[in-house]
Amino acid sequence: MTNILAIDDDKDILYTISEICDYSNWNSITARTLDEVKKALDNEKIDLVLIDYNMPEMNGVELTKSIRKRLPYIPIIALTIEEDPKVLKAFFEAGVNDFSVKPIKALDLISRIRVHLKYKGIDNYLMNYEKGISNQTLKIVIDFLASCEDPVDVETIAENTKLNPKTIYRYLNYLEKEKAIEIDLNYQDKGRPRNLYRLKL
């Protein structure tokens, strides 16, 4: 069973995360206080951490740094109310791998968790991105794919993310190698068929 440690002082948020985990056949371990976090880290095998920024005893950035000392190679996803660049920069520097904006959207969070769980057990998780692969740019591509109900082509991704198509191809190739996306062929147009990409759920 995959153990997800959810750290948030809001019991309603923790309830929502627990329901999402139940739906996805993951075991949720919730913590609202620093003592509960320490207890979970001492007694449970943790596969992924979800962590809120606004915590009463220690903010999420400082808590991330503390968790990284004990669990250097597991995925950590930050939960933030707003996409504040300063907060996100501090989180990434502290060691988070991704972030999800509140209010929580179930499909978005499930997609993020599944993508990052693919790396469970890899000793160099924090260093797994190939040369030329930026964590933040990778997140932009994943975010857009997660928002699409239907598979999309590179031109659509470029139009919505403002990324260069060549850059997008490089990141899609990376995600394909990591088995994080599926590729469909579109034969409707004349000429060479186009690749359409979707995030695996």
C-alpha atoms as a PDB file:
ATOM      1  CA  MET A   1       0.000   0.000   0.000  1.00  0.00           C
ATOM      2  CA  THR A   2       1.268   3.448  -0.932  1.00  0.00           C
ATOM      3  CA  ASN A   3       1.418   5.783   2.065  1.00  0.00           C
ATOM      4  CA  ILE A   4       0.682   9.473   1.470  1.00  0.00           C
ATOM      5  CA  LEU A   5       1.557  11.822   4.337  1.00  0.00           C
ATOM      6  CA  ALA A   6      -0.715  14.896   4.201  1.00  0.00           C
ATOM      7  CA  ILE A   7       0.341  17.823   6.395  1.00  0.00           C
ATOM      8  CA  ASP A   8      -2.178  20.637   6.877  1.00  0.00           C
ATOM      9  CA  ASP A   9      -3.709  22.357   9.899  1.00  0.00           C
ATOM     10  CA  ASP A  10      -7.122  22.452   8.183  1.00  0.00           C
ATOM     11  CA  LYS A  11      -9.069  19.295   9.017  1.00  0.00           C
ATOM     12  CA  ASP A  12     -11.413  19.825   6.044  1.00  0.00           C
ATOM     13  CA  ILE A  13      -8.444  19.819   3.650  1.00  0.00           C
ATOM     14  CA  LEU A  14      -7.131  16.653   5.276  1.00  0.00           C
ATOM     15  CA  TYR A  15     -10.556  15.035   4.926  1.00  0.00           C
ATOM     16  CA  THR A  16     -10.616  15.908   1.211  1.00  0.00           C
ATOM     17  CA  ILE A  17      -7.128  14.478   0.707  1.00  0.00           C
ATOM     18  CA  SER A  18      -8.103  11.320   2.585  1.00  0.00           C
ATOM     19  CA  GLU A  19     -11.113  10.856   0.293  1.00  0.00           C
ATOM     20  CA  ILE A  20      -8.918  11.357  -2.777  1.00  0.00           C
ATOM     21  CA  CYS A  21      -6.455   8.787  -1.458  1.00  0.00           C
ATOM     22  CA  ASP A  22      -9.214   6.289  -0.717  1.00  0.00           C
ATOM     23  CA  TYR A  23     -10.526   6.702  -4.268  1.00  0.00           C
ATOM     24  CA  SER A  24      -7.037   6.060  -5.656  1.00  0.00           C
ATOM     25  CA  ASN A  25      -6.301   3.088  -3.363  1.00  0.00           C
ATOM     26  CA  TRP A  26      -3.625   4.968  -1.422  1.00  0.00           C
ATOM     27  CA  ASN A  27      -3.343   5.031   2.345  1.00  0.00           C
ATOM     28  CA  SER A  28      -3.540   8.546   3.779  1.00  0.00           C
ATOM     29  CA  ILE A  29      -1.643   9.516   6.923  1.00  0.00           C
ATOM     30  CA  THR A  30      -2.736  12.947   8.163  1.00  0.00           C
ATOM     31  CA  ALA A  31      -0.917  15.391  10.420  1.00  0.00           C
ATOM     32  CA  ARG A  32      -2.129  18.758  11.727  1.00  0.00           C
ATOM     33  CA  THR A  33       0.667  19.513  14.188  1.00  0.00           C
ATOM     34  CA  LEU A  34       4.439  19.238  14.307  1.00  0.00           C
ATOM     35  CA  ASP A  35       4.166  16.413  16.843  1.00  0.00           C
ATOM     36  CA  GLU A  36       1.883  14.464  14.526  1.00  0.00           C
ATOM     37  CA  VAL A  37       4.346  14.977  11.661  1.00  0.00           C
ATOM     38  CA  LYS A  38       7.213  13.658  13.784  1.00  0.00           C
ATOM     39  CA  LYS A  39       5.120  10.687  14.899  1.00  0.00           C
ATOM     40  CA  ALA A  40       4.264   9.802  11.290  1.00  0.00           C
ATOM     41  CA  LEU A  41       7.900  10.080  10.185  1.00  0.00           C
ATOM     42  CA  ASP A  42       9.041   7.936  13.102  1.00  0.00           C
ATOM     43  CA  ASN A  43       6.460   5.187  12.725  1.00  0.00           C
ATOM     44  CA  GLU A  44       5.357   5.014   9.084  1.00  0.00           C
ATOM     45  CA  LYS A  45       6.976   4.234   5.743  1.00  0.00           C
ATOM     46  CA  ILE A  46       6.184   7.348   3.707  1.00  0.00           C
ATOM     47  CA  ASP A  47       6.041   7.240  -0.108  1.00  0.00           C
ATOM     48  CA  LEU A  48       4.997  10.835  -0.826  1.00  0.00           C
ATOM     49  CA  VAL A  49       4.354  14.015   1.187  1.00  0.00           C
ATOM     50  CA  LEU A  50       1.721  16.706   0.638  1.00  0.00           C
ATOM     51  CA  ILE A  51       2.538  19.803   2.666  1.00  0.00           C
ATOM     52  CA  ASP A  52       0.724  23.081   3.289  1.00  0.00           C
ATOM     53  CA  TYR A  53       2.564  26.404   3.460  1.00  0.00           C
ATOM     54  CA  ASN A  54       0.635  28.013   6.327  1.00  0.00           C
ATOM     55  CA  MET A  55       1.320  25.874   9.376  1.00  0.00           C
ATOM     56  CA  PRO A  56       1.059  27.321  12.908  1.00  0.00           C
ATOM     57  CA  GLU A  57       4.278  25.939  14.452  1.00  0.00           C
ATOM     58  CA  MET A  58       6.575  25.908  11.411  1.00  0.00           C
ATOM     59  CA  ASN A  59       5.800  27.093   7.889  1.00  0.00           C
ATOM     60  CA  GLY A  60       5.781  24.591   5.074  1.00  0.00           C
ATOM     61  CA  VAL A  61       9.125  25.697   3.661  1.00  0.00           C
ATOM     62  CA  GLU A  62      10.988  25.138   6.928  1.00  0.00           C
ATOM     63  CA  LEU A  63       9.137  21.876   7.488  1.00  0.00           C
ATOM     64  CA  THR A  64      10.112  20.740   3.987  1.00  0.00           C
ATOM     65  CA  LYS A  65      13.778  21.356   4.813  1.00  0.00           C
ATOM     66  CA  SER A  66      13.384  19.292   7.981  1.00  0.00           C
ATOM     67  CA  ILE A  67      11.660  16.427   6.161  1.00  0.00           C
ATOM     68  CA  ARG A  68      14.303  16.443   3.416  1.00  0.00           C
ATOM     69  CA  LYS A  69      16.983  15.714   6.026  1.00  0.00           C
ATOM     70  CA  ARG A  70      15.149  12.506   6.945  1.00  0.00           C
ATOM     71  CA  LEU A  71      13.627  11.584   3.587  1.00  0.00           C
ATOM     72  CA  PRO A  72      15.963  12.941   0.904  1.00  0.00           C
ATOM     73  CA  TYR A  73      14.594  10.958  -2.025  1.00  0.00           C
ATOM     74  CA  ILE A  74      10.798  10.909  -1.774  1.00  0.00           C
ATOM     75  CA  PRO A  75       8.432  13.211  -3.707  1.00  0.00           C
ATOM     76  CA  ILE A  76       7.125  16.274  -1.857  1.00  0.00           C
ATOM     77  CA  ILE A  77       4.230  18.301  -3.258  1.00  0.00           C
ATOM     78  CA  ALA A  78       3.488  21.703  -1.726  1.00  0.00           C
ATOM     79  CA  LEU A  79      -0.087  22.945  -1.264  1.00  0.00           C
ATOM     80  CA  THR A  80      -0.480  26.701  -1.739  1.00  0.00           C
ATOM     81  CA  ILE A  81      -3.443  29.083  -1.833  1.00  0.00           C
ATOM     82  CA  GLU A  82      -1.872  31.316  -4.471  1.00  0.00           C
ATOM     83  CA  GLU A  83       0.927  30.952  -6.996  1.00  0.00           C
ATOM     84  CA  ASP A  84       3.103  33.475  -5.157  1.00  0.00           C
ATOM     85  CA  PRO A  85       6.483  33.408  -6.967  1.00  0.00           C
ATOM     86  CA  LYS A  86       8.402  34.082  -3.732  1.00  0.00           C
ATOM     87  CA  VAL A  87       6.662  31.242  -1.895  1.00  0.00           C
ATOM     88  CA  LEU A  88       7.116  28.831  -4.805  1.00  0.00           C
ATOM     89  CA  LYS A  89      10.798  29.760  -5.168  1.00  0.00           C
ATOM     90  CA  ALA A  90      11.337  29.164  -1.439  1.00  0.00           C
ATOM     91  CA  PHE A  91       9.538  25.810  -1.652  1.00  0.00           C
ATOM     92  CA  PHE A  92      11.589  24.611  -4.632  1.00  0.00           C
ATOM     93  CA  GLU A  93      14.818  25.713  -2.956  1.00  0.00           C
ATOM     94  CA  ALA A  94      13.762  23.803   0.166  1.00  0.00           C
ATOM     95  CA  GLY A  95      13.338  20.624  -1.872  1.00  0.00           C
ATOM     96  CA  VAL A  96       9.739  20.233  -3.060  1.00  0.00           C
ATOM     97  CA  ASN A  97       9.238  18.575  -6.433  1.00  0.00           C
ATOM     98  CA  ASP A  98       5.901  20.111  -7.382  1.00  0.00           C
ATOM     99  CA  PHE A  99       3.016  22.194  -6.067  1.00  0.00           C
ATOM    100  CA  SER A 100      -0.774  22.154  -6.260  1.00  0.00           C
ATOM    101  CA  VAL A 101      -2.938  25.232  -5.806  1.00  0.00           C
ATOM    102  CA  LYS A 102      -5.845  25.282  -3.354  1.00  0.00           C
ATOM    103  CA  PRO A 103      -8.758  24.788  -3.468  1.00  0.00           C
ATOM    104  CA  ILE A 104      -7.772  21.237  -4.251  1.00  0.00           C
ATOM    105  CA  LYS A 105      -8.921  19.816  -7.580  1.00  0.00           C
ATOM    106  CA  ALA A 106      -9.091  16.041  -7.259  1.00  0.00           C
ATOM    107  CA  LEU A 107      -8.048  15.096 -10.806  1.00  0.00           C
ATOM    108  CA  ASP A 108      -5.162  17.563 -10.780  1.00  0.00           C
ATOM    109  CA  LEU A 109      -3.812  16.296  -7.465  1.00  0.00           C
ATOM    110  CA  ILE A 110      -4.241  12.641  -8.454  1.00  0.00           C
ATOM    111  CA  SER A 111      -2.340  13.270 -11.702  1.00  0.00           C
ATOM    112  CA  ARG A 112       0.524  14.971  -9.859  1.00  0.00           C
ATOM    113  CA  ILE A 113       0.776  12.227  -7.247  1.00  0.00           C
ATOM    114  CA  ARG A 114       0.770   9.468  -9.878  1.00  0.00           C
ATOM    115  CA  VAL A 115       3.476  11.149 -11.934  1.00  0.00           C
ATOM    116  CA  HIS A 116       5.757  11.574  -8.922  1.00  0.00           C
ATOM    117  CA  LEU A 117       5.123   8.114  -7.502  1.00  0.00           C
ATOM    118  CA  LYS A 118       6.718   6.721 -10.659  1.00  0.00           C
ATOM    119  CA  TYR A 119      10.038   7.730  -9.123  1.00  0.00           C
ATOM    120  CA  LYS A 120       9.500   5.948  -5.801  1.00  0.00           C
ATOM    121  CA  GLY A 121      12.564   3.944  -4.854  1.00  0.00           C
ATOM    122  CA  ILE A 122      14.948   5.754  -7.175  1.00  0.00           C
ATOM    123  CA  ASP A 123      17.842   6.843  -4.969  1.00  0.00           C
ATOM    124  CA  ASN A 124      18.634   9.963  -6.943  1.00  0.00           C
ATOM    125  CA  TYR A 125      15.046  11.235  -7.167  1.00  0.00           C
ATOM    126  CA  LEU A 126      16.065  14.832  -6.622  1.00  0.00           C
ATOM    127  CA  MET A 127      18.598  14.616  -9.450  1.00  0.00           C
ATOM    128  CA  ASN A 128      16.535  12.603 -11.930  1.00  0.00           C
ATOM    129  CA  TYR A 129      15.962  15.369 -14.415  1.00  0.00           C
ATOM    130  CA  GLU A 130      18.217  15.059 -17.428  1.00  0.00           C
ATOM    131  CA  LYS A 131      20.537  17.816 -18.554  1.00  0.00           C
ATOM    132  CA  GLY A 132      18.432  20.554 -20.096  1.00  0.00           C
ATOM    133  CA  ILE A 133      15.276  19.529 -18.211  1.00  0.00           C
ATOM    134  CA  SER A 134      14.051  22.182 -15.793  1.00  0.00           C
ATOM    135  CA  ASN A 135      11.748  21.152 -12.948  1.00  0.00           C
ATOM    136  CA  GLN A 136       9.656  24.315 -13.330  1.00  0.00           C
ATOM    137  CA  THR A 137       9.315  24.037 -17.120  1.00  0.00           C
ATOM    138  CA  LEU A 138       8.455  20.358 -16.747  1.00  0.00           C
ATOM    139  CA  LYS A 139       5.721  21.384 -14.346  1.00  0.00           C
ATOM    140  CA  ILE A 140       4.275  23.858 -16.887  1.00  0.00           C
ATOM    141  CA  VAL A 141       3.985  21.094 -19.489  1.00  0.00           C
ATOM    142  CA  ILE A 142       2.495  18.614 -17.008  1.00  0.00           C
ATOM    143  CA  ASP A 143       0.053  21.226 -15.685  1.00  0.00           C
ATOM    144  CA  PHE A 144      -1.313  21.936 -19.151  1.00  0.00           C
ATOM    145  CA  LEU A 145      -1.618  18.265 -20.071  1.00  0.00           C
ATOM    146  CA  ALA A 146      -3.396  17.603 -16.756  1.00  0.00           C
ATOM    147  CA  SER A 147      -5.928  20.349 -17.595  1.00  0.00           C
ATOM    148  CA  CYS A 148      -6.841  18.801 -20.972  1.00  0.00           C
ATOM    149  CA  GLU A 149      -9.642  16.271 -21.250  1.00  0.00           C
ATOM    150  CA  ASP A 150      -8.588  15.256 -24.775  1.00  0.00           C
ATOM    151  CA  PRO A 151      -5.104  14.599 -26.204  1.00  0.00           C
ATOM    152  CA  VAL A 152      -3.429  17.697 -27.675  1.00  0.00           C
ATOM    153  CA  ASP A 153      -0.714  18.417 -30.227  1.00  0.00           C
ATOM    154  CA  VAL A 154       2.498  20.386 -29.744  1.00  0.00           C
ATOM    155  CA  GLU A 155       1.037  23.507 -31.379  1.00  0.00           C
ATOM    156  CA  THR A 156      -1.807  23.594 -28.846  1.00  0.00           C
ATOM    157  CA  ILE A 157       0.615  23.148 -25.959  1.00  0.00           C
ATOM    158  CA  ALA A 158       2.831  25.931 -27.320  1.00  0.00           C
ATOM    159  CA  GLU A 159      -0.094  28.304 -27.794  1.00  0.00           C
ATOM    160  CA  ASN A 160      -1.302  27.831 -24.218  1.00  0.00           C
ATOM    161  CA  THR A 161       2.035  27.655 -22.389  1.00  0.00           C
ATOM    162  CA  LYS A 162       3.989  30.173 -24.515  1.00  0.00           C
ATOM    163  CA  LEU A 163       6.865  27.681 -24.670  1.00  0.00           C
ATOM    164  CA  ASN A 164       8.932  27.151 -27.792  1.00  0.00           C
ATOM    165  CA  PRO A 165       7.771  24.055 -29.762  1.00  0.00           C
ATOM    166  CA  LYS A 166      11.336  22.690 -29.786  1.00  0.00           C
ATOM    167  CA  THR A 167      11.408  22.977 -26.000  1.00  0.00           C
ATOM    168  CA  ILE A 168       8.055  21.224 -25.759  1.00  0.00           C
ATOM    169  CA  TYR A 169       9.243  18.333 -27.937  1.00  0.00           C
ATOM    170  CA  ARG A 170      12.231  17.845 -25.618  1.00  0.00           C
ATOM    171  CA  TYR A 171      10.021  17.707 -22.535  1.00  0.00           C
ATOM    172  CA  LEU A 172       7.471  15.429 -24.223  1.00  0.00           C
ATOM    173  CA  ASN A 173      10.274  13.050 -25.184  1.00  0.00           C
ATOM    174  CA  TYR A 174      11.401  13.059 -21.562  1.00  0.00           C
ATOM    175  CA  LEU A 175       7.870  12.349 -20.297  1.00  0.00           C
ATOM    176  CA  GLU A 176       7.447   9.581 -22.885  1.00  0.00           C
ATOM    177  CA  LYS A 177      10.667   7.933 -21.712  1.00  0.00           C
ATOM    178  CA  GLU A 178       9.412   8.176 -18.126  1.00  0.00           C
ATOM    179  CA  LYS A 179       6.114   6.560 -19.261  1.00  0.00           C
ATOM    180  CA  ALA A 180       4.170   9.553 -17.923  1.00  0.00           C
ATOM    181  CA  ILE A 181       2.300  10.301 -21.169  1.00  0.00           C
ATOM    182  CA  GLU A 182       0.457   8.454 -23.921  1.00  0.00           C
ATOM    183  CA  ILE A 183       0.759   9.318 -27.623  1.00  0.00           C
ATOM    184  CA  ASP A 184      -2.094   9.020 -30.108  1.00  0.00           C
ATOM    185  CA  LEU A 185      -1.886   9.513 -33.879  1.00  0.00           C
ATOM    186  CA  ASN A 186      -4.329  11.837 -35.639  1.00  0.00           C
ATOM    187  CA  TYR A 187      -5.008  10.663 -39.221  1.00  0.00           C
ATOM    188  CA  GLN A 188      -7.856  13.112 -39.934  1.00  0.00           C
ATOM    189  CA  ASP A 189      -5.704  15.739 -41.613  1.00  0.00           C
ATOM    190  CA  LYS A 190      -4.117  15.277 -45.016  1.00  0.00           C
ATOM    191  CA  GLY A 191      -0.455  14.391 -45.126  1.00  0.00           C
ATOM    192  CA  ARG A 192       1.656  13.152 -42.257  1.00  0.00           C
ATOM    193  CA  PRO A 193      -0.327  12.167 -39.136  1.00  0.00           C
ATOM    194  CA  ARG A 194       0.141  14.360 -36.051  1.00  0.00           C
ATOM    195  CA  ASN A 195       1.107  13.130 -32.602  1.00  0.00           C
ATOM    196  CA  LEU A 196      -1.409  13.913 -29.875  1.00  0.00           C
ATOM    197  CA  TYR A 197      -0.313  13.759 -26.241  1.00  0.00           C
ATOM    198  CA  ARG A 198      -2.170  13.023 -23.043  1.00  0.00           C
ATOM    199  CA  LEU A 199      -1.038  12.619 -19.441  1.00  0.00           C
ATOM    200  CA  LYS A 200      -1.444   9.106 -18.062  1.00  0.00           C
ATOM    201  CA  LEU A 201      -3.980   8.936 -15.224  1.00  0.00           C
END
